[in-house]
Amino acid sequence: MKIWRSVLASGLVLAAFGCGGPGTAVGSEAPDFTVEKIAGVGDISLSDFKGKVVVVDFWATWCGPCREAMPGIDQLVKKYKDQGVVSMAVSDESKEAISDFARQSGFGLTFYRDPFKLANTKYEISKIPATFVIGRDGKVVYAGNPPQPDELALAIETAVKG
């Protein structure tokens, strides 16, 4: 009985804090994934951005904390854009909902659709917002759930400097 209580308690802690699994651990190889483009036609993969610093943000239009985090993420991506930083704002919602949000928000983030949550599964996302910074070498340099602005800024700056 004690074992089950420990397992249950551990599960509740992980669920409460949204910790990712070993596939998302800082220092590990970032799992590759493919998502649908919102602007334009076709798919794109994380691996298409090899050599760049990629800020991956898992979010949804209905998620208040996601919407609160986005201006800071957008500002950081804009700040470091000329130094090879790109964004992948990934949602499982309809293309129309994502497009409407992108247009109304005015953010410079690049939005993508993952209708079957395959990327979420690879990153073992238990709650959103979940934000990752992937270094030029393809390794996870930051994992925040939700993202902490100062830590995210430091991670991007460090990744840019290489």
N, C-alpha and C. Protein backbone atom coordinates (compact mmCIF):
# COMPACT_ATOMS: atom_id res chain seq x y z
N MET A 1 0.82 -1.20 0.00
CA MET A 1 0.00 0.00 0.00
C MET A 1 0.86 1.27 0.00
N LYS A 2 1.98 1.22 0.76
CA LYS A 2 2.86 2.39 0.80
C LYS A 2 3.45 2.68 -0.58
N ILE A 3 3.76 1.63 -1.32
CA ILE A 3 4.33 1.81 -2.65
C ILE A 3 3.34 2.55 -3.54
N TRP A 4 2.07 2.13 -3.50
CA TRP A 4 1.06 2.78 -4.34
C TRP A 4 0.87 4.24 -3.96
N ARG A 5 0.93 4.52 -2.66
CA ARG A 5 0.82 5.91 -2.22
C ARG A 5 1.99 6.74 -2.75
N SER A 6 3.17 6.16 -2.71
CA SER A 6 4.36 6.86 -3.22
C SER A 6 4.24 7.11 -4.72
N VAL A 7 3.79 6.08 -5.43
CA VAL A 7 3.62 6.22 -6.88
C VAL A 7 2.57 7.28 -7.18
N LEU A 8 1.45 7.23 -6.48
CA LEU A 8 0.39 8.22 -6.67
C LEU A 8 0.88 9.62 -6.34
N ALA A 9 1.59 9.77 -5.23
CA ALA A 9 2.10 11.08 -4.84
C ALA A 9 3.08 11.61 -5.88
N SER A 10 3.95 10.75 -6.37
CA SER A 10 4.91 11.17 -7.41
C SER A 10 4.17 11.62 -8.66
N GLY A 11 3.15 10.86 -9.05
CA GLY A 11 2.37 11.22 -10.23
C GLY A 11 1.67 12.55 -10.06
N LEU A 12 1.14 12.80 -8.87
CA LEU A 12 0.46 14.06 -8.62
C LEU A 12 1.44 15.23 -8.66
N VAL A 13 2.63 15.03 -8.12
CA VAL A 13 3.63 16.09 -8.16
C VAL A 13 4.01 16.40 -9.61
N LEU A 14 4.24 15.35 -10.40
CA LEU A 14 4.58 15.56 -11.82
C LEU A 14 3.45 16.26 -12.56
N ALA A 15 2.22 15.85 -12.29
CA ALA A 15 1.08 16.47 -12.96
C ALA A 15 0.93 17.93 -12.55
N ALA A 16 1.13 18.21 -11.26
CA ALA A 16 0.97 19.57 -10.76
C ALA A 16 2.01 20.52 -11.35
N PHE A 17 3.22 20.03 -11.50
CA PHE A 17 4.29 20.89 -11.99
C PHE A 17 4.56 20.72 -13.47
N GLY A 18 3.88 19.79 -14.12
CA GLY A 18 4.00 19.65 -15.56
C GLY A 18 5.36 19.22 -16.03
N CYS A 19 6.08 18.46 -15.24
CA CYS A 19 7.42 18.05 -15.63
C CYS A 19 7.37 17.16 -16.85
N GLY A 20 8.28 17.41 -17.76
CA GLY A 20 8.39 16.56 -18.92
C GLY A 20 9.19 15.33 -18.58
N GLY A 21 9.23 14.40 -19.49
CA GLY A 21 9.97 13.18 -19.28
C GLY A 21 11.39 13.30 -19.76
N PRO A 22 12.09 12.19 -19.81
CA PRO A 22 13.49 12.21 -20.20
C PRO A 22 13.73 12.73 -21.61
N GLY A 23 12.73 12.64 -22.48
CA GLY A 23 12.88 13.16 -23.83
C GLY A 23 12.97 14.67 -23.87
N THR A 24 12.59 15.33 -22.80
CA THR A 24 12.61 16.79 -22.77
C THR A 24 13.61 17.34 -21.77
N ALA A 25 14.42 16.51 -21.19
CA ALA A 25 15.36 16.95 -20.17
C ALA A 25 16.40 17.90 -20.76
N VAL A 26 16.73 18.92 -20.01
CA VAL A 26 17.77 19.85 -20.44
C VAL A 26 19.06 19.06 -20.64
N GLY A 27 19.70 19.29 -21.76
CA GLY A 27 20.94 18.59 -22.10
C GLY A 27 20.73 17.39 -23.01
N SER A 28 19.47 16.96 -23.14
CA SER A 28 19.19 15.81 -24.01
C SER A 28 18.96 16.26 -25.45
N GLU A 29 19.04 15.31 -26.36
CA GLU A 29 18.74 15.59 -27.77
C GLU A 29 17.25 15.91 -27.88
N ALA A 30 16.93 17.01 -28.56
CA ALA A 30 15.52 17.40 -28.72
C ALA A 30 14.83 16.43 -29.66
N PRO A 31 13.70 15.86 -29.24
CA PRO A 31 12.96 14.97 -30.14
C PRO A 31 12.49 15.74 -31.39
N ASP A 32 12.71 15.17 -32.55
CA ASP A 32 12.26 15.80 -33.78
C ASP A 32 10.75 15.59 -33.91
N PHE A 33 10.09 16.51 -34.56
CA PHE A 33 8.66 16.39 -34.82
C PHE A 33 8.33 17.17 -36.07
N THR A 34 7.19 16.85 -36.66
CA THR A 34 6.72 17.52 -37.86
C THR A 34 5.33 18.09 -37.58
N VAL A 35 5.12 19.34 -38.00
CA VAL A 35 3.84 20.03 -37.79
C VAL A 35 3.41 20.69 -39.09
N GLU A 36 2.14 21.08 -39.13
CA GLU A 36 1.57 21.76 -40.30
C GLU A 36 1.84 23.25 -40.23
N LYS A 37 2.22 23.83 -41.36
CA LYS A 37 2.38 25.27 -41.44
C LYS A 37 1.00 25.93 -41.38
N ILE A 38 0.92 27.06 -40.72
CA ILE A 38 -0.32 27.84 -40.72
C ILE A 38 -0.26 28.84 -41.88
N ALA A 39 0.87 29.51 -42.03
CA ALA A 39 1.07 30.42 -43.16
C ALA A 39 1.70 29.61 -44.28
N GLY A 40 0.96 29.40 -45.32
CA GLY A 40 1.47 28.60 -46.42
C GLY A 40 0.92 27.19 -46.37
N VAL A 41 1.50 26.33 -47.19
CA VAL A 41 1.02 24.96 -47.31
C VAL A 41 2.17 24.02 -47.00
N GLY A 42 1.84 22.90 -46.40
CA GLY A 42 2.84 21.87 -46.17
C GLY A 42 3.22 21.71 -44.71
N ASP A 43 4.20 20.87 -44.51
CA ASP A 43 4.67 20.56 -43.17
C ASP A 43 6.10 21.05 -42.99
N ILE A 44 6.50 21.13 -41.73
CA ILE A 44 7.87 21.50 -41.40
C ILE A 44 8.28 20.72 -40.16
N SER A 45 9.55 20.40 -40.07
CA SER A 45 10.07 19.64 -38.94
C SER A 45 11.03 20.49 -38.13
N LEU A 46 11.16 20.16 -36.87
CA LEU A 46 12.14 20.83 -36.02
C LEU A 46 13.53 20.72 -36.65
N SER A 47 13.84 19.56 -37.20
CA SER A 47 15.16 19.34 -37.80
C SER A 47 15.44 20.25 -38.99
N ASP A 48 14.41 20.85 -39.58
CA ASP A 48 14.61 21.81 -40.67
C ASP A 48 15.33 23.07 -40.19
N PHE A 49 15.33 23.29 -38.88
CA PHE A 49 15.95 24.48 -38.31
C PHE A 49 17.33 24.20 -37.72
N LYS A 50 17.93 23.09 -38.12
CA LYS A 50 19.24 22.73 -37.59
C LYS A 50 20.22 23.89 -37.78
N GLY A 51 20.99 24.17 -36.74
CA GLY A 51 21.95 25.28 -36.78
C GLY A 51 21.38 26.58 -36.27
N LYS A 52 20.08 26.60 -35.98
CA LYS A 52 19.43 27.78 -35.42
C LYS A 52 19.05 27.49 -33.97
N VAL A 53 18.78 28.54 -33.22
CA VAL A 53 18.22 28.41 -31.87
C VAL A 53 16.71 28.46 -32.05
N VAL A 54 16.02 27.43 -31.58
CA VAL A 54 14.58 27.33 -31.79
C VAL A 54 13.85 27.43 -30.45
N VAL A 55 12.91 28.37 -30.37
CA VAL A 55 12.04 28.48 -29.21
C VAL A 55 10.74 27.78 -29.58
N VAL A 56 10.47 26.65 -28.93
CA VAL A 56 9.26 25.86 -29.20
C VAL A 56 8.29 26.13 -28.06
N ASP A 57 7.11 26.62 -28.41
CA ASP A 57 6.10 26.94 -27.40
C ASP A 57 4.83 26.14 -27.70
N PHE A 58 4.45 25.27 -26.77
CA PHE A 58 3.20 24.52 -26.89
C PHE A 58 2.13 25.34 -26.18
N TRP A 59 1.04 25.64 -26.87
CA TRP A 59 0.06 26.59 -26.37
C TRP A 59 -1.32 26.29 -26.95
N ALA A 60 -2.32 27.09 -26.53
CA ALA A 60 -3.68 27.02 -27.09
C ALA A 60 -4.34 28.38 -26.92
N THR A 61 -5.28 28.70 -27.80
CA THR A 61 -5.95 30.00 -27.75
C THR A 61 -6.78 30.16 -26.48
N TRP A 62 -7.30 29.07 -25.94
CA TRP A 62 -8.16 29.12 -24.76
C TRP A 62 -7.36 29.16 -23.45
N CYS A 63 -6.05 29.03 -23.53
CA CYS A 63 -5.18 28.92 -22.36
C CYS A 63 -4.70 30.30 -21.91
N GLY A 64 -5.26 30.79 -20.80
CA GLY A 64 -4.87 32.10 -20.27
C GLY A 64 -3.37 32.23 -20.01
N PRO A 65 -2.76 31.29 -19.28
CA PRO A 65 -1.31 31.39 -19.05
C PRO A 65 -0.49 31.37 -20.34
N CYS A 66 -0.97 30.67 -21.36
CA CYS A 66 -0.28 30.66 -22.66
C CYS A 66 -0.29 32.06 -23.26
N ARG A 67 -1.45 32.68 -23.22
CA ARG A 67 -1.61 34.02 -23.79
C ARG A 67 -0.79 35.04 -23.00
N GLU A 68 -0.66 34.83 -21.70
CA GLU A 68 0.14 35.73 -20.87
C GLU A 68 1.63 35.59 -21.17
N ALA A 69 2.07 34.39 -21.47
CA ALA A 69 3.49 34.14 -21.72
C ALA A 69 3.94 34.60 -23.11
N MET A 70 3.02 34.62 -24.06
CA MET A 70 3.39 34.89 -25.46
C MET A 70 4.05 36.24 -25.72
N PRO A 71 3.60 37.34 -25.12
CA PRO A 71 4.28 38.61 -25.41
C PRO A 71 5.77 38.57 -25.06
N GLY A 72 6.11 37.96 -23.94
CA GLY A 72 7.51 37.86 -23.55
C GLY A 72 8.31 36.99 -24.50
N ILE A 73 7.72 35.88 -24.91
CA ILE A 73 8.38 34.99 -25.87
C ILE A 73 8.58 35.72 -27.19
N ASP A 74 7.53 36.40 -27.64
CA ASP A 74 7.60 37.16 -28.89
C ASP A 74 8.70 38.21 -28.84
N GLN A 75 8.78 38.93 -27.74
CA GLN A 75 9.78 39.97 -27.57
C GLN A 75 11.20 39.39 -27.64
N LEU A 76 11.42 38.25 -26.98
CA LEU A 76 12.75 37.63 -27.00
C LEU A 76 13.12 37.12 -28.38
N VAL A 77 12.17 36.50 -29.06
CA VAL A 77 12.45 35.99 -30.41
C VAL A 77 12.79 37.16 -31.34
N LYS A 78 12.04 38.25 -31.24
CA LYS A 78 12.34 39.44 -32.06
C LYS A 78 13.72 40.00 -31.74
N LYS A 79 14.05 40.05 -30.45
CA LYS A 79 15.34 40.60 -30.02
C LYS A 79 16.52 39.83 -30.62
N TYR A 80 16.38 38.51 -30.70
CA TYR A 80 17.50 37.67 -31.14
C TYR A 80 17.33 37.11 -32.56
N LYS A 81 16.33 37.59 -33.27
CA LYS A 81 16.04 37.07 -34.61
C LYS A 81 17.25 37.15 -35.54
N ASP A 82 17.94 38.27 -35.51
CA ASP A 82 19.10 38.46 -36.39
C ASP A 82 20.29 37.59 -35.99
N GLN A 83 20.18 36.94 -34.84
CA GLN A 83 21.25 36.06 -34.37
C GLN A 83 20.86 34.59 -34.52
N GLY A 84 19.86 34.33 -35.36
CA GLY A 84 19.50 32.96 -35.68
C GLY A 84 18.48 32.31 -34.78
N VAL A 85 17.66 33.12 -34.10
CA VAL A 85 16.60 32.57 -33.24
C VAL A 85 15.29 32.55 -34.03
N VAL A 86 14.63 31.40 -34.02
CA VAL A 86 13.33 31.24 -34.68
C VAL A 86 12.34 30.67 -33.67
N SER A 87 11.06 30.79 -34.00
CA SER A 87 10.02 30.30 -33.10
C SER A 87 9.15 29.25 -33.77
N MET A 88 8.64 28.36 -32.95
CA MET A 88 7.63 27.38 -33.37
C MET A 88 6.55 27.39 -32.29
N ALA A 89 5.47 28.12 -32.53
CA ALA A 89 4.34 28.15 -31.60
C ALA A 89 3.37 27.07 -32.06
N VAL A 90 3.27 25.99 -31.29
CA VAL A 90 2.58 24.77 -31.72
C VAL A 90 1.28 24.59 -30.93
N SER A 91 0.18 24.44 -31.66
CA SER A 91 -1.14 24.20 -31.06
C SER A 91 -1.84 23.07 -31.80
N ASP A 92 -2.75 22.41 -31.11
CA ASP A 92 -3.52 21.33 -31.74
C ASP A 92 -4.87 21.82 -32.26
N GLU A 93 -5.12 23.11 -32.15
CA GLU A 93 -6.41 23.65 -32.56
C GLU A 93 -6.54 23.73 -34.08
N SER A 94 -7.72 24.15 -34.53
CA SER A 94 -7.97 24.24 -35.98
C SER A 94 -7.07 25.31 -36.60
N LYS A 95 -6.82 25.14 -37.87
CA LYS A 95 -6.01 26.11 -38.62
C LYS A 95 -6.65 27.50 -38.54
N GLU A 96 -7.98 27.55 -38.61
CA GLU A 96 -8.70 28.82 -38.56
C GLU A 96 -8.52 29.50 -37.21
N ALA A 97 -8.65 28.75 -36.12
CA ALA A 97 -8.50 29.33 -34.78
C ALA A 97 -7.10 29.87 -34.58
N ILE A 98 -6.10 29.11 -35.02
CA ILE A 98 -4.71 29.55 -34.88
C ILE A 98 -4.46 30.78 -35.75
N SER A 99 -4.94 30.75 -37.00
CA SER A 99 -4.76 31.89 -37.91
C SER A 99 -5.41 33.15 -37.37
N ASP A 100 -6.63 33.02 -36.86
CA ASP A 100 -7.33 34.17 -36.29
C ASP A 100 -6.55 34.75 -35.11
N PHE A 101 -6.08 33.88 -34.23
CA PHE A 101 -5.31 34.34 -33.08
C PHE A 101 -4.03 35.04 -33.54
N ALA A 102 -3.32 34.43 -34.47
CA ALA A 102 -2.06 35.00 -34.96
C ALA A 102 -2.29 36.39 -35.55
N ARG A 103 -3.33 36.52 -36.33
CA ARG A 103 -3.65 37.80 -36.97
C ARG A 103 -4.03 38.85 -35.93
N GLN A 104 -4.89 38.49 -34.99
CA GLN A 104 -5.36 39.44 -33.98
C GLN A 104 -4.27 39.83 -32.98
N SER A 105 -3.39 38.90 -32.68
CA SER A 105 -2.37 39.16 -31.66
C SER A 105 -1.28 40.10 -32.17
N GLY A 106 -0.97 40.01 -33.45
CA GLY A 106 0.10 40.83 -33.99
C GLY A 106 1.49 40.34 -33.63
N PHE A 107 1.59 39.16 -33.03
CA PHE A 107 2.89 38.62 -32.66
C PHE A 107 3.68 38.23 -33.90
N GLY A 108 4.98 38.29 -33.79
CA GLY A 108 5.85 37.88 -34.88
C GLY A 108 6.22 36.41 -34.82
N LEU A 109 5.64 35.69 -33.87
CA LEU A 109 5.92 34.26 -33.75
C LEU A 109 5.42 33.52 -34.98
N THR A 110 6.02 32.38 -35.26
CA THR A 110 5.57 31.55 -36.37
C THR A 110 4.70 30.44 -35.78
N PHE A 111 3.47 30.34 -36.27
CA PHE A 111 2.49 29.42 -35.71
C PHE A 111 2.36 28.15 -36.55
N TYR A 112 2.20 27.04 -35.84
CA TYR A 112 2.08 25.72 -36.48
C TYR A 112 0.96 24.93 -35.81
N ARG A 113 0.50 23.91 -36.53
CA ARG A 113 -0.60 23.06 -36.04
C ARG A 113 -0.14 21.62 -35.92
N ASP A 114 -0.47 21.03 -34.79
CA ASP A 114 -0.16 19.62 -34.52
C ASP A 114 -1.48 18.94 -34.12
N PRO A 115 -2.35 18.64 -35.11
CA PRO A 115 -3.72 18.21 -34.80
C PRO A 115 -3.82 16.93 -33.98
N PHE A 116 -2.83 16.07 -34.05
CA PHE A 116 -2.90 14.81 -33.31
C PHE A 116 -2.00 14.81 -32.09
N LYS A 117 -1.45 15.97 -31.74
CA LYS A 117 -0.59 16.15 -30.57
C LYS A 117 0.62 15.21 -30.58
N LEU A 118 1.15 14.94 -31.75
CA LEU A 118 2.30 14.05 -31.84
C LEU A 118 3.54 14.68 -31.22
N ALA A 119 3.72 15.99 -31.43
CA ALA A 119 4.86 16.68 -30.82
C ALA A 119 4.68 16.72 -29.30
N ASN A 120 3.46 17.01 -28.85
CA ASN A 120 3.18 17.01 -27.41
C ASN A 120 3.55 15.67 -26.79
N THR A 121 3.22 14.60 -27.49
CA THR A 121 3.53 13.26 -26.99
C THR A 121 5.03 13.05 -26.91
N LYS A 122 5.75 13.44 -27.95
CA LYS A 122 7.21 13.27 -27.94
C LYS A 122 7.87 14.06 -26.82
N TYR A 123 7.31 15.22 -26.51
CA TYR A 123 7.87 16.06 -25.46
C TYR A 123 7.24 15.79 -24.10
N GLU A 124 6.33 14.83 -24.07
CA GLU A 124 5.66 14.41 -22.84
C GLU A 124 5.04 15.60 -22.09
N ILE A 125 4.29 16.40 -22.84
CA ILE A 125 3.64 17.58 -22.28
C ILE A 125 2.43 17.15 -21.46
N SER A 126 2.41 17.57 -20.20
CA SER A 126 1.27 17.25 -19.36
C SER A 126 0.37 18.46 -19.14
N LYS A 127 0.91 19.65 -19.39
CA LYS A 127 0.09 20.87 -19.30
C LYS A 127 0.77 21.95 -20.13
N ILE A 128 -0.02 22.93 -20.52
CA ILE A 128 0.50 24.06 -21.27
C ILE A 128 0.30 25.32 -20.46
N PRO A 129 1.09 26.35 -20.71
CA PRO A 129 2.14 26.46 -21.71
C PRO A 129 3.38 25.66 -21.32
N ALA A 130 4.02 25.15 -22.33
CA ALA A 130 5.30 24.46 -22.15
C ALA A 130 6.24 25.01 -23.22
N THR A 131 7.37 25.51 -22.78
CA THR A 131 8.29 26.18 -23.70
C THR A 131 9.67 25.56 -23.60
N PHE A 132 10.27 25.33 -24.75
CA PHE A 132 11.60 24.73 -24.82
C PHE A 132 12.49 25.60 -25.69
N VAL A 133 13.76 25.66 -25.33
CA VAL A 133 14.76 26.29 -26.19
C VAL A 133 15.68 25.18 -26.65
N ILE A 134 15.81 25.07 -27.96
CA ILE A 134 16.67 24.06 -28.57
C ILE A 134 17.89 24.79 -29.13
N GLY A 135 19.07 24.37 -28.70
CA GLY A 135 20.31 25.00 -29.16
C GLY A 135 20.64 24.64 -30.60
N ARG A 136 21.64 25.31 -31.12
CA ARG A 136 22.07 25.08 -32.51
C ARG A 136 22.49 23.64 -32.74
N ASP A 137 22.93 22.97 -31.67
CA ASP A 137 23.38 21.58 -31.77
C ASP A 137 22.25 20.57 -31.64
N GLY A 138 20.99 21.06 -31.49
CA GLY A 138 19.84 20.17 -31.38
C GLY A 138 19.56 19.66 -29.98
N LYS A 139 20.25 20.21 -28.99
CA LYS A 139 20.02 19.79 -27.61
C LYS A 139 19.09 20.78 -26.90
N VAL A 140 18.31 20.25 -25.96
CA VAL A 140 17.41 21.07 -25.16
C VAL A 140 18.25 21.88 -24.17
N VAL A 141 18.14 23.20 -24.22
CA VAL A 141 18.87 24.05 -23.28
C VAL A 141 17.96 24.69 -22.24
N TYR A 142 16.65 24.59 -22.46
CA TYR A 142 15.68 25.13 -21.50
C TYR A 142 14.37 24.39 -21.66
N ALA A 143 13.73 24.12 -20.53
CA ALA A 143 12.39 23.53 -20.51
C ALA A 143 11.61 24.22 -19.40
N GLY A 144 10.56 24.94 -19.76
CA GLY A 144 9.75 25.66 -18.78
C GLY A 144 8.29 25.35 -18.94
N ASN A 145 7.64 25.07 -17.82
CA ASN A 145 6.24 24.67 -17.86
C ASN A 145 5.56 25.18 -16.60
N PRO A 146 5.11 26.44 -16.57
CA PRO A 146 5.15 27.44 -17.63
C PRO A 146 6.53 28.09 -17.72
N PRO A 147 6.78 28.82 -18.81
CA PRO A 147 8.09 29.46 -18.96
C PRO A 147 8.29 30.57 -17.94
N GLN A 148 9.49 30.65 -17.40
CA GLN A 148 9.85 31.73 -16.48
C GLN A 148 10.63 32.77 -17.29
N PRO A 149 10.12 33.99 -17.40
CA PRO A 149 10.71 34.98 -18.30
C PRO A 149 12.22 35.18 -18.16
N ASP A 150 12.71 35.35 -16.94
CA ASP A 150 14.15 35.59 -16.76
C ASP A 150 14.97 34.38 -17.16
N GLU A 151 14.50 33.19 -16.80
CA GLU A 151 15.22 31.96 -17.16
C GLU A 151 15.20 31.74 -18.67
N LEU A 152 14.06 32.02 -19.29
CA LEU A 152 13.93 31.87 -20.74
C LEU A 152 14.88 32.83 -21.46
N ALA A 153 14.92 34.08 -21.00
CA ALA A 153 15.80 35.08 -21.61
C ALA A 153 17.26 34.65 -21.49
N LEU A 154 17.65 34.18 -20.33
CA LEU A 154 19.03 33.73 -20.11
C LEU A 154 19.36 32.53 -21.00
N ALA A 155 18.42 31.61 -21.12
CA ALA A 155 18.64 30.42 -21.95
C ALA A 155 18.83 30.79 -23.42
N ILE A 156 18.00 31.70 -23.91
CA ILE A 156 18.12 32.12 -25.31
C ILE A 156 19.45 32.84 -25.52
N GLU A 157 19.77 33.75 -24.61
CA GLU A 157 21.03 34.49 -24.73
C GLU A 157 22.23 33.55 -24.70
N THR A 158 22.21 32.58 -23.81
CA THR A 158 23.30 31.60 -23.71
C THR A 158 23.38 30.76 -24.98
N ALA A 159 22.24 30.32 -25.49
CA ALA A 159 22.22 29.50 -26.71
C ALA A 159 22.73 30.28 -27.91
N VAL A 160 22.40 31.55 -27.98
CA VAL A 160 22.84 32.39 -29.09
C VAL A 160 24.36 32.54 -29.07
N LYS A 161 24.91 32.71 -27.88
CA LYS A 161 26.36 32.88 -27.75
C LYS A 161 27.10 31.57 -27.98
N GLY A 162 26.36 30.46 -27.88
CA GLY A 162 26.87 29.14 -28.19
C GLY A 162 27.85 28.63 -27.22
